[in-house]
Amino acid sequence: MSHIMSNKISKLTILCLFLLSSCATTTMVDRKVKFNKNKVLSTISAVDSTFNELESLLYVDIKSQNMYLLEKGLILMAFRVSSSYYGTGSEVNSLKTPLGKHEVYKKIGKDLPINAILKGRVWNGAIANVITDDIDTDFDHVTSRILWLDGLEIGKNKGPGVDSRSRYIYIHGTAEEGLIGRPASDGCIRMYNTDVIDLFDLVNEKVQVWIY
């Protein structure tokens, strides 16, 4: 093989590797959650210093748009989420995310395919076209899995006018994955679909969910 031909093949190989690398870079979604473990634990302890006595706990940090899964006070996993575009609050029809202590009232969607659209907590066979770009659509699809929340604090997130369960506040998957990491929902806590499926299998009904 001539030196010229060998040189051309080498250049072609480098070009192919560059193109493959470029494609992988543009399609990859970085879902790593950056956080300071000690700071997070200190924040949770300021809410209730007995948090480490709970077998499991989900803690949603509105400011950072992160959610943490803890067991016996240790952070096991962290997820990027999206709370309400309209801010925080418990009033009926406010479309806001309620603060305070909750628990998972019911888990819905076991074994459904990823991106399944649930309307009224029922799957009718539709699958969402997930948007990974930073686009806000006219739809607020609930997808893949539902963790339906029930408030634990009367007058704050439980009871007439402020009841999280009757407001249908969920942790759920979304078709607007490109908006995860900033407030964009109509009151619920949105997650990436793969993340909510993983979480669904890791927690039981009655696990506490603190939103602050």
N, C-alpha and C. Protein backbone atom coordinates (compact mmCIF):
# COMPACT_ATOMS: atom_id res chain seq x y z
N MET A 1 0.85 -1.20 0.00
CA MET A 1 0.00 0.00 0.00
C MET A 1 0.89 1.25 0.00
N SER A 2 0.54 2.22 -0.86
CA SER A 2 1.36 3.41 -0.96
C SER A 2 1.19 4.29 0.26
N HIS A 3 2.18 5.16 0.46
CA HIS A 3 2.13 6.10 1.58
C HIS A 3 0.95 7.04 1.44
N ILE A 4 0.67 7.46 0.21
CA ILE A 4 -0.45 8.40 -0.03
C ILE A 4 -1.77 7.74 0.32
N MET A 5 -1.97 6.49 -0.14
CA MET A 5 -3.22 5.77 0.15
C MET A 5 -3.38 5.55 1.65
N SER A 6 -2.30 5.17 2.32
CA SER A 6 -2.35 4.95 3.76
C SER A 6 -2.72 6.22 4.50
N ASN A 7 -2.18 7.35 4.04
CA ASN A 7 -2.47 8.64 4.66
C ASN A 7 -3.93 9.01 4.50
N LYS A 8 -4.50 8.71 3.30
CA LYS A 8 -5.92 9.00 3.05
C LYS A 8 -6.82 8.17 3.95
N ILE A 9 -6.49 6.91 4.12
CA ILE A 9 -7.29 6.01 4.97
C ILE A 9 -7.25 6.49 6.41
N SER A 10 -6.07 6.92 6.87
CA SER A 10 -5.94 7.41 8.24
C SER A 10 -6.80 8.64 8.47
N LYS A 11 -6.79 9.56 7.49
CA LYS A 11 -7.60 10.77 7.60
C LYS A 11 -9.08 10.45 7.61
N LEU A 12 -9.47 9.47 6.74
CA LEU A 12 -10.87 9.07 6.68
C LEU A 12 -11.32 8.44 7.99
N THR A 13 -10.46 7.64 8.59
CA THR A 13 -10.77 7.00 9.87
C THR A 13 -10.98 8.03 10.96
N ILE A 14 -10.09 9.04 11.00
CA ILE A 14 -10.20 10.10 12.00
C ILE A 14 -11.49 10.87 11.81
N LEU A 15 -11.84 11.16 10.53
CA LEU A 15 -13.08 11.90 10.24
C LEU A 15 -14.30 11.13 10.71
N CYS A 16 -14.34 9.82 10.46
CA CYS A 16 -15.47 8.98 10.87
C CYS A 16 -15.61 8.98 12.39
N LEU A 17 -14.48 8.83 13.07
CA LEU A 17 -14.52 8.83 14.54
C LEU A 17 -15.00 10.17 15.06
N PHE A 18 -14.60 11.26 14.45
CA PHE A 18 -15.04 12.59 14.87
C PHE A 18 -16.54 12.75 14.69
N LEU A 19 -17.06 12.29 13.52
CA LEU A 19 -18.49 12.40 13.25
C LEU A 19 -19.30 11.56 14.24
N LEU A 20 -18.84 10.36 14.52
CA LEU A 20 -19.54 9.50 15.48
C LEU A 20 -19.55 10.14 16.86
N SER A 21 -18.41 10.70 17.25
CA SER A 21 -18.31 11.37 18.55
C SER A 21 -19.23 12.58 18.61
N SER A 22 -19.30 13.33 17.52
CA SER A 22 -20.15 14.52 17.49
C SER A 22 -21.60 14.15 17.61
N CYS A 23 -22.03 13.11 16.89
CA CYS A 23 -23.42 12.66 16.95
C CYS A 23 -23.79 12.22 18.36
N ALA A 24 -22.87 11.46 18.99
CA ALA A 24 -23.15 10.98 20.34
C ALA A 24 -23.27 12.14 21.31
N THR A 25 -22.45 13.16 21.09
CA THR A 25 -22.48 14.30 22.00
C THR A 25 -23.78 15.08 21.90
N THR A 26 -24.30 15.24 20.69
CA THR A 26 -25.50 16.05 20.49
C THR A 26 -26.76 15.34 20.93
N THR A 27 -26.76 14.02 20.96
CA THR A 27 -27.97 13.30 21.31
C THR A 27 -27.99 12.88 22.78
N MET A 28 -26.88 12.97 23.44
CA MET A 28 -26.82 12.52 24.83
C MET A 28 -27.42 13.57 25.77
N VAL A 29 -28.27 13.14 26.69
CA VAL A 29 -28.86 14.04 27.68
C VAL A 29 -28.14 13.83 29.01
N ASP A 30 -27.57 14.90 29.54
CA ASP A 30 -26.84 14.81 30.80
C ASP A 30 -27.83 14.94 31.96
N ARG A 31 -28.04 13.86 32.68
CA ARG A 31 -28.99 13.85 33.79
C ARG A 31 -28.30 13.77 35.15
N LYS A 32 -27.01 14.01 35.18
CA LYS A 32 -26.30 13.97 36.44
C LYS A 32 -26.78 15.10 37.35
N VAL A 33 -26.99 14.77 38.59
CA VAL A 33 -27.47 15.76 39.56
C VAL A 33 -26.29 16.18 40.43
N LYS A 34 -25.98 17.47 40.36
CA LYS A 34 -24.88 17.99 41.17
C LYS A 34 -25.44 18.56 42.47
N PHE A 35 -24.88 18.10 43.59
CA PHE A 35 -25.34 18.60 44.88
C PHE A 35 -24.29 18.35 45.95
N ASN A 36 -24.39 19.13 47.01
CA ASN A 36 -23.51 18.98 48.16
C ASN A 36 -24.26 18.15 49.20
N LYS A 37 -23.79 16.94 49.44
CA LYS A 37 -24.49 16.01 50.32
C LYS A 37 -24.71 16.59 51.71
N ASN A 38 -23.69 17.17 52.29
CA ASN A 38 -23.82 17.71 53.65
C ASN A 38 -24.82 18.86 53.70
N LYS A 39 -24.81 19.69 52.67
CA LYS A 39 -25.74 20.81 52.62
C LYS A 39 -27.18 20.33 52.50
N VAL A 40 -27.38 19.31 51.67
CA VAL A 40 -28.74 18.75 51.50
C VAL A 40 -29.23 18.16 52.82
N LEU A 41 -28.40 17.38 53.47
CA LEU A 41 -28.80 16.76 54.74
C LEU A 41 -29.08 17.81 55.80
N SER A 42 -28.29 18.88 55.80
CA SER A 42 -28.51 19.96 56.75
C SER A 42 -29.85 20.65 56.48
N THR A 43 -30.18 20.83 55.22
CA THR A 43 -31.45 21.46 54.84
C THR A 43 -32.63 20.61 55.30
N ILE A 44 -32.53 19.30 55.08
CA ILE A 44 -33.61 18.40 55.48
C ILE A 44 -33.74 18.37 57.00
N SER A 45 -32.62 18.35 57.69
CA SER A 45 -32.63 18.32 59.15
C SER A 45 -33.27 19.57 59.73
N ALA A 46 -33.12 20.70 59.03
CA ALA A 46 -33.72 21.95 59.49
C ALA A 46 -35.25 21.88 59.42
N VAL A 47 -35.76 21.07 58.51
CA VAL A 47 -37.21 20.86 58.40
C VAL A 47 -37.70 19.99 59.53
N ASP A 48 -36.99 18.88 59.76
CA ASP A 48 -37.35 17.93 60.82
C ASP A 48 -36.13 17.08 61.12
N SER A 49 -35.56 17.26 62.28
CA SER A 49 -34.32 16.57 62.64
C SER A 49 -34.49 15.06 62.81
N THR A 50 -35.74 14.58 62.83
CA THR A 50 -35.97 13.13 62.97
C THR A 50 -36.06 12.43 61.62
N PHE A 51 -35.70 13.13 60.55
CA PHE A 51 -35.84 12.54 59.21
C PHE A 51 -35.09 11.23 59.06
N ASN A 52 -33.97 11.11 59.78
CA ASN A 52 -33.15 9.90 59.63
C ASN A 52 -33.75 8.68 60.33
N GLU A 53 -34.87 8.87 61.01
CA GLU A 53 -35.56 7.73 61.62
C GLU A 53 -36.53 7.05 60.65
N LEU A 54 -36.80 7.73 59.53
CA LEU A 54 -37.70 7.16 58.54
C LEU A 54 -36.97 6.11 57.71
N GLU A 55 -37.65 5.01 57.45
CA GLU A 55 -37.05 3.96 56.63
C GLU A 55 -36.70 4.50 55.25
N SER A 56 -37.64 5.23 54.65
CA SER A 56 -37.42 5.86 53.35
C SER A 56 -38.05 7.24 53.35
N LEU A 57 -37.52 8.12 52.54
CA LEU A 57 -38.03 9.48 52.44
C LEU A 57 -37.69 10.05 51.07
N LEU A 58 -38.67 10.73 50.47
CA LEU A 58 -38.42 11.50 49.26
C LEU A 58 -38.46 12.98 49.64
N TYR A 59 -37.41 13.69 49.30
CA TYR A 59 -37.34 15.12 49.63
C TYR A 59 -37.21 15.91 48.34
N VAL A 60 -38.17 16.79 48.09
CA VAL A 60 -38.17 17.63 46.90
C VAL A 60 -37.70 19.03 47.29
N ASP A 61 -36.61 19.47 46.67
CA ASP A 61 -36.07 20.81 46.92
C ASP A 61 -36.51 21.71 45.77
N ILE A 62 -37.46 22.60 46.05
CA ILE A 62 -38.03 23.45 45.01
C ILE A 62 -36.97 24.36 44.40
N LYS A 63 -36.12 24.94 45.23
CA LYS A 63 -35.13 25.90 44.74
C LYS A 63 -34.19 25.27 43.72
N SER A 64 -33.68 24.09 44.03
CA SER A 64 -32.71 23.44 43.14
C SER A 64 -33.38 22.59 42.07
N GLN A 65 -34.69 22.31 42.23
CA GLN A 65 -35.41 21.41 41.32
C GLN A 65 -34.78 20.02 41.32
N ASN A 66 -34.39 19.60 42.51
CA ASN A 66 -33.87 18.25 42.72
C ASN A 66 -34.78 17.48 43.67
N MET A 67 -34.80 16.17 43.52
CA MET A 67 -35.48 15.32 44.47
C MET A 67 -34.51 14.23 44.92
N TYR A 68 -34.54 13.95 46.22
CA TYR A 68 -33.60 12.98 46.80
C TYR A 68 -34.36 11.81 47.41
N LEU A 69 -33.86 10.63 47.18
CA LEU A 69 -34.38 9.43 47.84
C LEU A 69 -33.41 9.06 48.94
N LEU A 70 -33.94 9.03 50.18
CA LEU A 70 -33.10 8.71 51.34
C LEU A 70 -33.60 7.43 52.01
N GLU A 71 -32.68 6.71 52.60
CA GLU A 71 -33.01 5.57 53.45
C GLU A 71 -32.23 5.71 54.75
N LYS A 72 -32.98 5.78 55.85
CA LYS A 72 -32.37 5.94 57.17
C LYS A 72 -31.39 7.12 57.20
N GLY A 73 -31.76 8.21 56.55
CA GLY A 73 -30.96 9.42 56.60
C GLY A 73 -29.82 9.49 55.60
N LEU A 74 -29.65 8.47 54.77
CA LEU A 74 -28.59 8.45 53.77
C LEU A 74 -29.18 8.69 52.38
N ILE A 75 -28.53 9.55 51.60
CA ILE A 75 -29.00 9.83 50.25
C ILE A 75 -28.58 8.69 49.33
N LEU A 76 -29.57 8.01 48.76
CA LEU A 76 -29.29 6.91 47.85
C LEU A 76 -29.27 7.35 46.40
N MET A 77 -30.22 8.22 46.05
CA MET A 77 -30.34 8.66 44.66
C MET A 77 -30.80 10.11 44.63
N ALA A 78 -30.48 10.78 43.53
CA ALA A 78 -30.93 12.15 43.31
C ALA A 78 -31.47 12.26 41.90
N PHE A 79 -32.53 13.03 41.74
CA PHE A 79 -33.20 13.16 40.44
C PHE A 79 -33.43 14.64 40.13
N ARG A 80 -33.36 14.99 38.87
CA ARG A 80 -33.80 16.30 38.42
C ARG A 80 -35.32 16.25 38.23
N VAL A 81 -36.00 17.30 38.65
CA VAL A 81 -37.47 17.33 38.56
C VAL A 81 -37.92 18.69 38.04
N SER A 82 -39.24 18.83 37.93
CA SER A 82 -39.84 20.10 37.53
C SER A 82 -41.11 20.31 38.34
N SER A 83 -41.14 21.38 39.12
CA SER A 83 -42.33 21.72 39.90
C SER A 83 -43.18 22.72 39.10
N SER A 84 -44.15 23.34 39.75
CA SER A 84 -45.11 24.18 39.04
C SER A 84 -44.50 25.47 38.48
N TYR A 85 -44.91 25.78 37.29
CA TYR A 85 -44.54 27.05 36.65
C TYR A 85 -45.11 28.24 37.43
N TYR A 86 -46.21 27.99 38.16
CA TYR A 86 -46.93 29.05 38.85
C TYR A 86 -46.46 29.26 40.29
N GLY A 87 -45.45 28.51 40.70
CA GLY A 87 -44.90 28.68 42.04
C GLY A 87 -45.44 27.65 43.02
N THR A 88 -45.34 27.96 44.31
CA THR A 88 -45.77 27.02 45.34
C THR A 88 -47.01 27.54 46.06
N GLY A 89 -47.85 26.61 46.47
CA GLY A 89 -49.08 26.95 47.17
C GLY A 89 -50.03 25.78 47.14
N SER A 90 -51.02 25.82 48.02
CA SER A 90 -51.92 24.68 48.18
C SER A 90 -53.36 24.96 47.76
N GLU A 91 -53.65 26.19 47.37
CA GLU A 91 -55.03 26.55 47.08
C GLU A 91 -55.58 25.77 45.89
N VAL A 92 -56.83 25.36 46.00
CA VAL A 92 -57.50 24.66 44.91
C VAL A 92 -57.52 25.55 43.66
N ASN A 93 -57.26 24.93 42.52
CA ASN A 93 -57.27 25.61 41.21
C ASN A 93 -56.13 26.62 41.03
N SER A 94 -55.16 26.62 41.93
CA SER A 94 -54.04 27.56 41.80
C SER A 94 -52.99 27.08 40.81
N LEU A 95 -52.99 25.77 40.50
CA LEU A 95 -51.98 25.13 39.65
C LEU A 95 -50.58 25.22 40.24
N LYS A 96 -50.50 25.44 41.56
CA LYS A 96 -49.22 25.54 42.24
C LYS A 96 -48.83 24.22 42.90
N THR A 97 -47.55 24.06 43.16
CA THR A 97 -47.06 22.87 43.86
C THR A 97 -47.17 23.08 45.36
N PRO A 98 -47.85 22.18 46.06
CA PRO A 98 -48.03 22.34 47.51
C PRO A 98 -46.76 22.02 48.29
N LEU A 99 -46.51 22.79 49.31
CA LEU A 99 -45.37 22.55 50.19
C LEU A 99 -45.78 21.67 51.36
N GLY A 100 -44.78 21.21 52.11
CA GLY A 100 -45.05 20.46 53.33
C GLY A 100 -44.87 18.96 53.19
N LYS A 101 -45.28 18.28 54.24
CA LYS A 101 -45.12 16.83 54.31
C LYS A 101 -46.31 16.12 53.66
N HIS A 102 -45.98 15.15 52.82
CA HIS A 102 -46.97 14.33 52.14
C HIS A 102 -46.57 12.86 52.29
N GLU A 103 -47.43 11.99 51.79
CA GLU A 103 -47.08 10.60 51.63
C GLU A 103 -47.66 10.10 50.31
N VAL A 104 -47.11 9.01 49.81
CA VAL A 104 -47.63 8.42 48.58
C VAL A 104 -48.92 7.68 48.92
N TYR A 105 -50.01 8.20 48.39
CA TYR A 105 -51.33 7.61 48.63
C TYR A 105 -51.54 6.36 47.78
N LYS A 106 -51.12 6.45 46.52
CA LYS A 106 -51.33 5.32 45.62
C LYS A 106 -50.30 5.35 44.50
N LYS A 107 -49.82 4.15 44.13
CA LYS A 107 -48.92 3.99 42.99
C LYS A 107 -49.73 3.46 41.81
N ILE A 108 -49.58 4.09 40.65
CA ILE A 108 -50.39 3.74 39.49
C ILE A 108 -49.49 3.61 38.25
N GLY A 109 -49.71 2.55 37.49
CA GLY A 109 -49.00 2.39 36.23
C GLY A 109 -48.01 1.26 36.17
N LYS A 110 -48.03 0.37 37.13
CA LYS A 110 -47.09 -0.74 37.16
C LYS A 110 -47.13 -1.52 35.85
N ASP A 111 -45.95 -1.76 35.30
CA ASP A 111 -45.75 -2.55 34.08
C ASP A 111 -46.24 -1.87 32.80
N LEU A 112 -46.67 -0.62 32.86
CA LEU A 112 -47.03 0.07 31.62
C LEU A 112 -45.77 0.36 30.81
N PRO A 113 -45.88 0.46 29.49
CA PRO A 113 -44.71 0.80 28.68
C PRO A 113 -44.25 2.22 28.96
N ILE A 114 -42.97 2.46 28.76
CA ILE A 114 -42.44 3.80 28.96
C ILE A 114 -43.16 4.79 28.05
N ASN A 115 -43.44 5.98 28.56
CA ASN A 115 -44.10 7.08 27.85
C ASN A 115 -45.59 6.86 27.63
N ALA A 116 -46.17 5.83 28.28
CA ALA A 116 -47.62 5.63 28.20
C ALA A 116 -48.33 6.85 28.78
N ILE A 117 -49.36 7.34 28.07
CA ILE A 117 -50.11 8.52 28.54
C ILE A 117 -51.28 8.06 29.40
N LEU A 118 -51.32 8.57 30.64
CA LEU A 118 -52.41 8.24 31.55
C LEU A 118 -53.36 9.43 31.66
N LYS A 119 -54.61 9.20 31.33
CA LYS A 119 -55.65 10.23 31.46
C LYS A 119 -56.63 9.77 32.52
N GLY A 120 -56.80 10.59 33.55
CA GLY A 120 -57.63 10.15 34.65
C GLY A 120 -57.07 8.91 35.32
N ARG A 121 -55.73 8.79 35.28
CA ARG A 121 -55.00 7.67 35.89
C ARG A 121 -55.24 6.35 35.17
N VAL A 122 -55.71 6.42 33.93
CA VAL A 122 -55.97 5.22 33.12
C VAL A 122 -55.23 5.32 31.79
N TRP A 123 -54.60 4.22 31.38
CA TRP A 123 -53.92 4.18 30.08
C TRP A 123 -54.87 3.67 29.02
N ASN A 124 -55.02 4.45 27.95
CA ASN A 124 -55.92 4.05 26.86
C ASN A 124 -55.17 3.53 25.63
N GLY A 125 -53.87 3.30 25.80
CA GLY A 125 -53.07 2.76 24.70
C GLY A 125 -52.17 3.78 24.03
N ALA A 126 -52.35 5.07 24.34
CA ALA A 126 -51.56 6.12 23.70
C ALA A 126 -50.16 6.19 24.29
N ILE A 127 -49.20 6.48 23.42
CA ILE A 127 -47.81 6.66 23.81
C ILE A 127 -47.38 8.07 23.44
N ALA A 128 -46.75 8.77 24.37
CA ALA A 128 -46.36 10.16 24.15
C ALA A 128 -45.13 10.27 23.26
N ASN A 129 -45.10 11.30 22.46
CA ASN A 129 -43.89 11.69 21.74
C ASN A 129 -43.11 12.61 22.66
N VAL A 130 -42.06 12.11 23.23
CA VAL A 130 -41.30 12.88 24.23
C VAL A 130 -40.45 13.94 23.55
N ILE A 131 -40.55 15.16 24.08
CA ILE A 131 -39.81 16.30 23.53
C ILE A 131 -38.62 16.59 24.45
N THR A 132 -37.43 16.47 23.90
CA THR A 132 -36.23 16.70 24.70
C THR A 132 -35.68 18.11 24.51
N ASP A 133 -36.25 18.87 23.58
CA ASP A 133 -35.86 20.26 23.41
C ASP A 133 -36.56 21.13 24.44
N ASP A 134 -36.06 22.34 24.62
CA ASP A 134 -36.60 23.28 25.60
C ASP A 134 -37.86 23.94 25.02
N ILE A 135 -38.93 23.14 24.94
CA ILE A 135 -40.18 23.61 24.33
C ILE A 135 -41.34 23.36 25.28
N ASP A 136 -42.15 24.39 25.51
CA ASP A 136 -43.34 24.28 26.36
C ASP A 136 -44.55 24.11 25.45
N THR A 137 -45.17 22.96 25.48
CA THR A 137 -46.32 22.68 24.62
C THR A 137 -47.62 23.05 25.34
N ASP A 138 -48.73 22.85 24.65
CA ASP A 138 -50.04 23.11 25.24
C ASP A 138 -50.54 21.93 26.06
N PHE A 139 -49.76 20.86 26.10
CA PHE A 139 -50.18 19.65 26.78
C PHE A 139 -49.41 19.45 28.08
N ASP A 140 -50.07 18.84 29.04
CA ASP A 140 -49.41 18.49 30.30
C ASP A 140 -49.63 17.00 30.53
N HIS A 141 -49.10 16.20 29.59
CA HIS A 141 -49.32 14.76 29.66
C HIS A 141 -48.70 14.16 30.92
N VAL A 142 -49.44 13.26 31.54
CA VAL A 142 -48.94 12.43 32.64
C VAL A 142 -48.52 11.11 32.03
N THR A 143 -47.26 10.76 32.16
CA THR A 143 -46.75 9.59 31.45
C THR A 143 -46.03 8.58 32.35
N SER A 144 -46.04 7.34 31.90
CA SER A 144 -45.26 6.22 32.45
C SER A 144 -45.71 5.71 33.82
N ARG A 145 -45.63 6.54 34.86
CA ARG A 145 -45.99 6.13 36.21
C ARG A 145 -46.55 7.31 36.98
N ILE A 146 -47.37 7.00 38.00
CA ILE A 146 -47.92 8.02 38.90
C ILE A 146 -47.66 7.62 40.34
N LEU A 147 -47.15 8.56 41.13
CA LEU A 147 -47.15 8.45 42.58
C LEU A 147 -48.08 9.56 43.07
N TRP A 148 -49.28 9.17 43.47
CA TRP A 148 -50.32 10.12 43.85
C TRP A 148 -50.10 10.53 45.31
N LEU A 149 -49.99 11.83 45.56
CA LEU A 149 -49.64 12.31 46.89
C LEU A 149 -50.85 12.69 47.73
N ASP A 150 -50.70 12.49 49.03
CA ASP A 150 -51.72 12.86 50.01
C ASP A 150 -51.05 13.72 51.07
N GLY A 151 -51.62 14.88 51.36
CA GLY A 151 -51.04 15.77 52.36
C GLY A 151 -51.15 15.20 53.76
N LEU A 152 -50.22 15.58 54.60
CA LEU A 152 -50.21 15.11 55.99
C LEU A 152 -50.43 16.24 56.99
N GLU A 153 -50.54 17.47 56.49
CA GLU A 153 -50.64 18.62 57.38
C GLU A 153 -51.97 19.33 57.18
N ILE A 154 -52.87 19.15 58.13
CA ILE A 154 -54.21 19.72 58.03
C ILE A 154 -54.13 21.25 57.98
N GLY A 155 -54.84 21.81 57.02
CA GLY A 155 -54.85 23.25 56.84
C GLY A 155 -53.75 23.76 55.93
N LYS A 156 -52.74 22.92 55.69
CA LYS A 156 -51.63 23.31 54.83
C LYS A 156 -51.68 22.60 53.48
N ASN A 157 -51.85 21.28 53.53
CA ASN A 157 -51.95 20.51 52.29
C ASN A 157 -52.98 19.38 52.40
N LYS A 158 -53.79 19.43 53.48
CA LYS A 158 -54.83 18.43 53.69
C LYS A 158 -56.08 19.11 54.24
N GLY A 159 -57.22 18.76 53.66
CA GLY A 159 -58.46 19.36 54.11
C GLY A 159 -59.07 20.30 53.08
N PRO A 160 -60.24 20.81 53.36
CA PRO A 160 -60.98 21.65 52.40
C PRO A 160 -60.17 22.84 51.89
N GLY A 161 -60.17 22.98 50.57
CA GLY A 161 -59.53 24.13 49.94
C GLY A 161 -58.05 24.01 49.68
N VAL A 162 -57.39 23.03 50.32
CA VAL A 162 -55.93 22.90 50.18
C VAL A 162 -55.49 21.45 50.02
N ASP A 163 -56.40 20.56 49.78
CA ASP A 163 -56.12 19.12 49.84
C ASP A 163 -55.34 18.62 48.63
N SER A 164 -54.11 18.17 48.86
CA SER A 164 -53.25 17.73 47.76
C SER A 164 -53.82 16.52 47.02
N ARG A 165 -54.41 15.60 47.77
CA ARG A 165 -54.94 14.41 47.10
C ARG A 165 -56.10 14.76 46.16
N SER A 166 -57.02 15.59 46.62
CA SER A 166 -58.16 15.95 45.79
C SER A 166 -57.77 16.93 44.68
N ARG A 167 -56.60 17.56 44.81
CA ARG A 167 -56.06 18.39 43.74
C ARG A 167 -55.31 17.54 42.70
N TYR A 168 -55.19 16.26 42.96
CA TYR A 168 -54.50 15.33 42.07
C TYR A 168 -53.04 15.74 41.84
N ILE A 169 -52.35 15.92 42.95
CA ILE A 169 -50.92 16.23 42.90
C ILE A 169 -50.15 14.92 42.83
N TYR A 170 -49.38 14.77 41.76
CA TYR A 170 -48.63 13.55 41.53
C TYR A 170 -47.14 13.83 41.40
N ILE A 171 -46.36 12.77 41.53
CA ILE A 171 -45.03 12.68 40.94
C ILE A 171 -45.23 11.81 39.71
N HIS A 172 -44.84 12.29 38.54
CA HIS A 172 -45.13 11.53 37.32
C HIS A 172 -44.13 11.84 36.21
N GLY A 173 -44.15 11.00 35.19
CA GLY A 173 -43.34 11.25 34.01
C GLY A 173 -43.98 12.33 33.15
N THR A 174 -43.22 12.85 32.19
CA THR A 174 -43.71 13.94 31.35
C THR A 174 -43.25 13.77 29.91
N ALA A 175 -44.03 14.33 29.00
CA ALA A 175 -43.63 14.34 27.59
C ALA A 175 -42.70 15.52 27.29
N GLU A 176 -42.60 16.46 28.23
CA GLU A 176 -41.77 17.65 28.05
C GLU A 176 -40.46 17.51 28.84
N GLU A 177 -39.68 16.52 28.49
CA GLU A 177 -38.46 16.26 29.24
C GLU A 177 -37.44 17.37 29.10
N GLY A 178 -37.53 18.16 28.04
CA GLY A 178 -36.61 19.26 27.84
C GLY A 178 -36.77 20.37 28.86
N LEU A 179 -37.88 20.34 29.63
CA LEU A 179 -38.13 21.37 30.64
C LEU A 179 -37.78 20.90 32.05
N ILE A 180 -37.35 19.65 32.18
CA ILE A 180 -36.95 19.15 33.49
C ILE A 180 -35.77 19.97 34.01
N GLY A 181 -35.83 20.34 35.29
CA GLY A 181 -34.77 21.14 35.87
C GLY A 181 -35.18 22.58 36.11
N ARG A 182 -36.39 22.93 35.67
CA ARG A 182 -36.94 24.26 35.95
C ARG A 182 -38.44 24.15 36.13
N PRO A 183 -39.05 25.08 36.86
CA PRO A 183 -40.50 25.02 37.07
C PRO A 183 -41.26 25.11 35.76
N ALA A 184 -42.12 24.11 35.49
CA ALA A 184 -42.83 24.09 34.21
C ALA A 184 -44.17 23.36 34.28
N SER A 185 -44.48 22.72 35.41
CA SER A 185 -45.68 21.90 35.48
C SER A 185 -46.91 22.72 35.86
N ASP A 186 -48.04 22.03 35.95
CA ASP A 186 -49.29 22.66 36.40
C ASP A 186 -49.59 22.29 37.85
N GLY A 187 -48.55 22.01 38.62
CA GLY A 187 -48.73 21.71 40.04
C GLY A 187 -48.02 20.46 40.52
N CYS A 188 -47.90 19.48 39.63
CA CYS A 188 -47.27 18.22 40.01
C CYS A 188 -45.75 18.31 39.98
N ILE A 189 -45.11 17.22 40.37
CA ILE A 189 -43.66 17.07 40.27
C ILE A 189 -43.38 16.17 39.08
N ARG A 190 -42.80 16.74 38.04
CA ARG A 190 -42.48 15.98 36.84
C ARG A 190 -41.09 15.36 36.94
N MET A 191 -40.93 14.20 36.30
CA MET A 191 -39.64 13.53 36.23
C MET A 191 -39.38 13.02 34.82
N TYR A 192 -38.11 12.72 34.52
CA TYR A 192 -37.81 11.96 33.30
C TYR A 192 -38.53 10.62 33.40
N ASN A 193 -38.97 10.10 32.27
CA ASN A 193 -39.74 8.86 32.28
C ASN A 193 -38.94 7.67 32.80
N THR A 194 -37.69 7.56 32.41
CA THR A 194 -36.88 6.44 32.93
C THR A 194 -36.69 6.57 34.43
N ASP A 195 -36.56 7.82 34.91
CA ASP A 195 -36.36 8.05 36.34
C ASP A 195 -37.60 7.69 37.15
N VAL A 196 -38.77 8.09 36.67
CA VAL A 196 -39.98 7.81 37.44
C VAL A 196 -40.28 6.31 37.47
N ILE A 197 -39.92 5.61 36.42
CA ILE A 197 -40.09 4.15 36.41
C ILE A 197 -39.16 3.52 37.44
N ASP A 198 -37.92 3.98 37.49
CA ASP A 198 -36.97 3.47 38.49
C ASP A 198 -37.47 3.77 39.90
N LEU A 199 -37.91 5.00 40.12
CA LEU A 199 -38.37 5.40 41.45
C LEU A 199 -39.59 4.60 41.88
N PHE A 200 -40.50 4.38 40.95
CA PHE A 200 -41.73 3.64 41.21
C PHE A 200 -41.42 2.28 41.83
N ASP A 201 -40.37 1.65 41.34
CA ASP A 201 -40.01 0.31 41.82
C ASP A 201 -39.22 0.34 43.13
N LEU A 202 -38.76 1.52 43.52
CA LEU A 202 -37.92 1.62 44.70
C LEU A 202 -38.67 2.01 45.97
N VAL A 203 -39.86 2.60 45.81
CA VAL A 203 -40.60 3.08 46.98
C VAL A 203 -41.95 2.40 47.08
N ASN A 204 -42.48 2.39 48.28
CA ASN A 204 -43.79 1.80 48.55
C ASN A 204 -44.82 2.88 48.81
N GLU A 205 -46.07 2.50 48.73
CA GLU A 205 -47.13 3.41 49.17
C GLU A 205 -46.93 3.72 50.65
N LYS A 206 -47.29 4.91 51.03
CA LYS A 206 -47.13 5.45 52.38
C LYS A 206 -45.75 6.04 52.65
N VAL A 207 -44.82 5.91 51.69
CA VAL A 207 -43.53 6.57 51.90
C VAL A 207 -43.77 8.07 51.96
N GLN A 208 -43.07 8.76 52.85
CA GLN A 208 -43.28 10.20 52.99
C GLN A 208 -42.54 10.96 51.90
N VAL A 209 -43.17 12.06 51.48
CA VAL A 209 -42.62 12.95 50.46
C VAL A 209 -42.68 14.36 51.03
N TRP A 210 -41.52 14.95 51.26
CA TRP A 210 -41.47 16.30 51.81
C TRP A 210 -41.11 17.26 50.68
N ILE A 211 -41.90 18.33 50.55
CA ILE A 211 -41.68 19.31 49.49
C ILE A 211 -41.43 20.67 50.14
N TYR A 212 -40.22 21.21 49.94
CA TYR A 212 -39.85 22.47 50.56
C TYR A 212 -38.96 23.30 49.62
